[in-house]
PDB file of N, CA and C in Angstrom:
ATOM      1  N   MET A   1      69.177 127.295  63.270  1.00  0.00           N
ATOM      2  CA  MET A   1      70.506 126.624  63.100  1.00  0.00           C
ATOM      3  C   MET A   1      70.595 125.893  64.687  1.00  0.00           C
ATOM      4  N   TRP A   2      70.286 126.872  66.005  1.00  0.00           N
ATOM      5  CA  TRP A   2      70.389 126.347  67.127  1.00  0.00           C
ATOM      6  C   TRP A   2      69.304 125.310  67.505  1.00  0.00           C
ATOM      7  N   HIS A   3      68.201 125.413  66.639  1.00  0.00           N
ATOM      8  CA  HIS A   3      67.179 124.683  66.939  1.00  0.00           C
ATOM      9  C   HIS A   3      67.385 123.095  66.532  1.00  0.00           C
ATOM     10  N   LEU A   4      68.122 123.137  65.207  1.00  0.00           N
ATOM     11  CA  LEU A   4      68.692 122.002  64.588  1.00  0.00           C
ATOM     12  C   LEU A   4      69.655 121.266  65.482  1.00  0.00           C
ATOM     13  N   ALA A   5      70.907 121.954  66.014  1.00  0.00           N
ATOM     14  CA  ALA A   5      71.783 121.696  67.044  1.00  0.00           C
ATOM     15  C   ALA A   5      70.967 121.371  68.205  1.00  0.00           C
ATOM     16  N   HIS A   6      70.271 121.619  68.773  1.00  0.00           N
ATOM     17  CA  HIS A   6      69.529 121.137  69.958  1.00  0.00           C
ATOM     18  C   HIS A   6      68.772 119.942  69.774  1.00  0.00           C
ATOM     19  N   HIS A   7      68.437 119.614  68.547  1.00  0.00           N
ATOM     20  CA  HIS A   7      67.730 118.425  68.425  1.00  0.00           C
ATOM     21  C   HIS A   7      68.845 117.082  68.085  1.00  0.00           C
ATOM     22  N   ALA A   8      69.984 117.755  67.249  1.00  0.00           N
ATOM     23  CA  ALA A   8      71.030 116.927  67.102  1.00  0.00           C
ATOM     24  C   ALA A   8      71.917 116.071  68.166  1.00  0.00           C
ATOM     25  N   LEU A   9      71.767 116.839  69.253  1.00  0.00           N
ATOM     26  CA  LEU A   9      72.914 116.590  70.205  1.00  0.00           C
ATOM     27  C   LEU A   9      72.206 115.343  70.858  1.00  0.00           C
ATOM     28  N   PRO A  10      70.920 115.276  71.302  1.00  0.00           N
ATOM     29  CA  PRO A  10      70.412 114.068  71.995  1.00  0.00           C
ATOM     30  C   PRO A  10      70.144 112.801  70.858  1.00  0.00           C
ATOM     31  N   LEU A  11      70.101 112.819  69.758  1.00  0.00           N
ATOM     32  CA  LEU A  11      70.295 112.184  68.637  1.00  0.00           C
ATOM     33  C   LEU A  11      71.674 111.492  68.652  1.00  0.00           C
ATOM     34  N   GLY A  12      73.006 112.422  68.444  1.00  0.00           N
ATOM     35  CA  GLY A  12      74.204 111.789  68.591  1.00  0.00           C
ATOM     36  C   GLY A  12      74.227 111.053  69.447  1.00  0.00           C
ATOM     37  N   TYR A  13      73.815 111.759  71.032  1.00  0.00           N
ATOM     38  CA  TYR A  13      74.418 110.946  72.277  1.00  0.00           C
ATOM     39  C   TYR A  13      73.471 109.512  72.032  1.00  0.00           C
ATOM     40  N   TRP A  14      72.429 109.420  71.517  1.00  0.00           N
ATOM     41  CA  TRP A  14      71.520 108.207  71.456  1.00  0.00           C
ATOM     42  C   TRP A  14      72.393 107.147  70.823  1.00  0.00           C
ATOM     43  N   LEU A  15      72.979 107.893  69.403  1.00  0.00           N
ATOM     44  CA  LEU A  15      73.463 107.008  68.341  1.00  0.00           C
ATOM     45  C   LEU A  15      74.780 106.480  69.055  1.00  0.00           C
ATOM     46  N   ILE A  16      75.556 107.182  69.578  1.00  0.00           N
ATOM     47  CA  ILE A  16      76.625 106.791  70.247  1.00  0.00           C
ATOM     48  C   ILE A  16      76.636 105.569  71.207  1.00  0.00           C
ATOM     49  N   HIS A  17      75.186 105.810  72.065  1.00  0.00           N
ATOM     50  CA  HIS A  17      74.930 104.712  72.930  1.00  0.00           C
ATOM     51  C   HIS A  17      74.393 103.496  72.335  1.00  0.00           C
ATOM     52  N   GLU A  18      73.781 103.585  71.413  1.00  0.00           N
ATOM     53  CA  GLU A  18      73.225 102.429  70.616  1.00  0.00           C
ATOM     54  C   GLU A  18      74.099 101.431  70.066  1.00  0.00           C
ATOM     55  N   THR A  19      75.088 102.294  69.245  1.00  0.00           N
ATOM     56  CA  THR A  19      76.155 101.857  68.728  1.00  0.00           C
ATOM     57  C   THR A  19      77.608 101.055  69.728  1.00  0.00           C
ATOM     58  N   THR A  20      77.620 102.081  70.944  1.00  0.00           N
ATOM     59  CA  THR A  20      78.367 101.152  71.782  1.00  0.00           C
ATOM     60  C   THR A  20      77.703 100.295  72.357  1.00  0.00           C
ATOM     61  N   TYR A  21      76.369 100.156  72.537  1.00  0.00           N
ATOM     62  CA  TYR A  21      75.561  98.873  73.299  1.00  0.00           C
ATOM     63  C   TYR A  21      75.896  97.825  72.774  1.00  0.00           C
ATOM     64  N   LYS A  22      75.705  97.957  70.843  1.00  0.00           N
ATOM     65  CA  LYS A  22      75.689  96.817  70.134  1.00  0.00           C
ATOM     66  C   LYS A  22      76.947  96.152  70.030  1.00  0.00           C
ATOM     67  N   PHE A  23      78.065  97.251  70.065  1.00  0.00           N
ATOM     68  CA  PHE A  23      79.581  96.934  69.711  1.00  0.00           C
ATOM     69  C   PHE A  23      79.690  96.002  71.026  1.00  0.00           C
ATOM     70  N   LEU A  24      79.471  96.341  72.060  1.00  0.00           N
ATOM     71  CA  LEU A  24      79.782  95.671  73.442  1.00  0.00           C
ATOM     72  C   LEU A  24      78.849  94.454  73.333  1.00  0.00           C
ATOM     73  N   LYS A  25      77.632  94.402  73.221  1.00  0.00           N
ATOM     74  CA  LYS A  25      77.125  93.119  73.108  1.00  0.00           C
ATOM     75  C   LYS A  25      77.458  92.335  72.093  1.00  0.00           C
ATOM     76  N   TYR A  26      78.228  92.455  71.190  1.00  0.00           N
ATOM     77  CA  TYR A  26      78.199  91.633  69.662  1.00  0.00           C
ATOM     78  C   TYR A  26      79.646  91.266  70.105  1.00  0.00           C
ATOM     79  N   THR A  27      80.552  92.130  70.704  1.00  0.00           N
ATOM     80  CA  THR A  27      82.032  91.944  70.704  1.00  0.00           C
ATOM     81  C   THR A  27      82.592  91.374  71.881  1.00  0.00           C
ATOM     82  N   ALA A  28      82.032  92.201  73.177  1.00  0.00           N
ATOM     83  CA  ALA A  28      82.526  92.001  74.670  1.00  0.00           C
ATOM     84  C   ALA A  28      82.255  90.712  74.947  1.00  0.00           C
ATOM     85  N   GLU A  29      80.774  90.084  74.741  1.00  0.00           N
ATOM     86  CA  GLU A  29      80.291  88.960  75.051  1.00  0.00           C
ATOM     87  C   GLU A  29      80.911  87.735  74.668  1.00  0.00           C
ATOM     88  N   PRO A  30      81.180  87.567  73.338  1.00  0.00           N
ATOM     89  CA  PRO A  30      81.975  86.482  72.881  1.00  0.00           C
ATOM     90  C   PRO A  30      83.372  86.052  73.370  1.00  0.00           C
ATOM     91  N   ILE A  31      83.980  87.660  73.511  1.00  0.00           N
ATOM     92  CA  ILE A  31      85.213  87.587  73.771  1.00  0.00           C
ATOM     93  C   ILE A  31      85.152  87.188  75.100  1.00  0.00           C
ATOM     94  N   SER A  32      84.511  87.553  76.215  1.00  0.00           N
ATOM     95  CA  SER A  32      84.424  87.291  77.540  1.00  0.00           C
ATOM     96  C   SER A  32      83.921  85.786  77.621  1.00  0.00           C
ATOM     97  N   SER A  33      83.196  85.102  76.809  1.00  0.00           N
ATOM     98  CA  SER A  33      82.925  83.802  76.882  1.00  0.00           C
ATOM     99  C   SER A  33      83.934  82.889  76.440  1.00  0.00           C
ATOM    100  N   THR A  34      84.868  83.431  75.229  1.00  0.00           N
ATOM    101  CA  THR A  34      86.150  82.787  74.949  1.00  0.00           C
ATOM    102  C   THR A  34      87.202  82.739  75.890  1.00  0.00           C
ATOM    103  N   ILE A  35      87.378  83.821  76.816  1.00  0.00           N
ATOM    104  CA  ILE A  35      88.464  83.993  77.714  1.00  0.00           C
ATOM    105  C   ILE A  35      87.951  83.194  78.837  1.00  0.00           C
ATOM    106  N   ASP A  36      86.581  83.158  79.208  1.00  0.00           N
ATOM    107  CA  ASP A  36      85.977  81.996  80.179  1.00  0.00           C
ATOM    108  C   ASP A  36      86.552  80.737  79.676  1.00  0.00           C
ATOM    109  N   ASN A  37      86.305  80.230  78.682  1.00  0.00           N
ATOM    110  CA  ASN A  37      86.475  78.700  78.076  1.00  0.00           C
ATOM    111  C   ASN A  37      88.124  78.681  78.275  1.00  0.00           C
ATOM    112  N   ILE A  38      88.923  79.869  77.622  1.00  0.00           N
ATOM    113  CA  ILE A  38      90.573  79.585  77.740  1.00  0.00           C
ATOM    114  C   ILE A  38      90.892  79.177  79.453  1.00  0.00           C
ATOM    115  N   LEU A  39      90.113  79.925  80.523  1.00  0.00           N
ATOM    116  CA  LEU A  39      90.598  79.794  81.593  1.00  0.00           C
ATOM    117  C   LEU A  39      89.865  78.323  82.118  1.00  0.00           C
ATOM    118  N   GLN A  40      88.867  78.299  81.818  1.00  0.00           N
ATOM    119  CA  GLN A  40      88.350  76.593  82.169  1.00  0.00           C
ATOM    120  C   GLN A  40      89.364  75.692  81.479  1.00  0.00           C
ATOM    121  N   ALA A  41      89.943  75.800  80.371  1.00  0.00           N
ATOM    122  CA  ALA A  41      90.855  75.001  79.654  1.00  0.00           C
ATOM    123  C   ALA A  41      92.042  74.755  80.439  1.00  0.00           C
ATOM    124  N   THR A  42      92.405  75.919  80.637  1.00  0.00           N
ATOM    125  CA  THR A  42      93.639  76.343  81.393  1.00  0.00           C
ATOM    126  C   THR A  42      93.746  75.594  82.845  1.00  0.00           C
ATOM    127  N   ASN A  43      92.410  75.784  83.571  1.00  0.00           N
ATOM    128  CA  ASN A  43      92.279  75.232  84.748  1.00  0.00           C
ATOM    129  C   ASN A  43      92.235  73.357  84.844  1.00  0.00           C
ATOM    130  N   ILE A  44      91.560  73.132  84.023  1.00  0.00           N
ATOM    131  CA  ILE A  44      91.448  71.620  83.978  1.00  0.00           C
ATOM    132  C   ILE A  44      92.834  70.972  83.234  1.00  0.00           C
ATOM    133  N   SER A  45      93.689  71.661  82.379  1.00  0.00           N
ATOM    134  CA  SER A  45      94.692  70.908  82.236  1.00  0.00           C
ATOM    135  C   SER A  45      96.081  71.214  83.184  1.00  0.00           C
ATOM    136  N   SER A  46      95.885  72.427  83.922  1.00  0.00           N
ATOM    137  CA  SER A  46      96.678  72.568  85.264  1.00  0.00           C
ATOM    138  C   SER A  46      96.130  71.687  86.560  1.00  0.00           C
ATOM    139  N   ALA A  47      95.037  71.316  86.323  1.00  0.00           N
ATOM    140  CA  ALA A  47      94.790  70.415  87.669  1.00  0.00           C
ATOM    141  C   ALA A  47      95.077  68.862  87.274  1.00  0.00           C
ATOM    142  N   TYR A  48      95.111  68.630  85.816  1.00  0.00           N
ATOM    143  CA  TYR A  48      95.817  67.242  85.490  1.00  0.00           C
ATOM    144  C   TYR A  48      97.223  67.164  85.290  1.00  0.00           C
ATOM    145  N   LYS A  49      97.821  67.991  85.121  1.00  0.00           N
ATOM    146  CA  LYS A  49      99.262  68.171  85.335  1.00  0.00           C
ATOM    147  C   LYS A  49      99.734  67.506  86.679  1.00  0.00           C
ATOM    148  N   GLY A  50     100.774  67.023  86.388  1.00  0.00           N
ATOM    149  CA  GLY A  50     101.587  66.040  87.760  1.00  0.00           C
ATOM    150  C   GLY A  50     100.852  64.917  88.132  1.00  0.00           C
ATOM    151  N   LYS A  51      99.464  64.834  87.536  1.00  0.00           N
ATOM    152  CA  LYS A  51      98.842  63.493  87.888  1.00  0.00           C
ATOM    153  C   LYS A  51      99.456  62.195  86.952  1.00  0.00           C
ATOM    154  N   GLN A  52      99.405  61.145  87.205  1.00  0.00           N
ATOM    155  CA  GLN A  52      99.892  59.787  86.480  1.00  0.00           C
ATOM    156  C   GLN A  52      98.558  59.577  85.765  1.00  0.00           C
ATOM    157  N   PRO A  53      98.788  59.003  84.446  1.00  0.00           N
ATOM    158  CA  PRO A  53      97.690  58.536  83.822  1.00  0.00           C
ATOM    159  C   PRO A  53      96.805  57.381  84.370  1.00  0.00           C
ATOM    160  N   SER A  54      97.449  56.910  85.571  1.00  0.00           N
ATOM    161  CA  SER A  54      96.711  55.712  85.936  1.00  0.00           C
ATOM    162  C   SER A  54      95.473  56.324  86.880  1.00  0.00           C
ATOM    163  N   GLU A  55      95.870  57.713  87.431  1.00  0.00           N
ATOM    164  CA  GLU A  55      95.062  58.107  88.404  1.00  0.00           C
ATOM    165  C   GLU A  55      93.534  58.431  87.790  1.00  0.00           C
ATOM    166  N   PHE A  56      93.663  58.708  86.403  1.00  0.00           N
ATOM    167  CA  PHE A  56      92.374  58.859  85.566  1.00  0.00           C
ATOM    168  C   PHE A  56      91.584  57.775  85.245  1.00  0.00           C
ATOM    169  N   THR A  57      92.143  56.944  85.487  1.00  0.00           N
ATOM    170  CA  THR A  57      91.265  55.466  85.236  1.00  0.00           C
ATOM    171  C   THR A  57      90.357  54.822  86.283  1.00  0.00           C
TER     172      THR A  57
END
């Protein structure tokens, strides 16, 4: 029984590490890129705010 637990522990840590890594890779990366896009969009819109349309042409 102890022998099985001794091997199950590293496997459990590995599984947690793998699932956490995959979760972060496929969830956090799109979220951070979406946040970057939103920040860029708000920066652009705030930069254009207060300017007259004639300044763009």
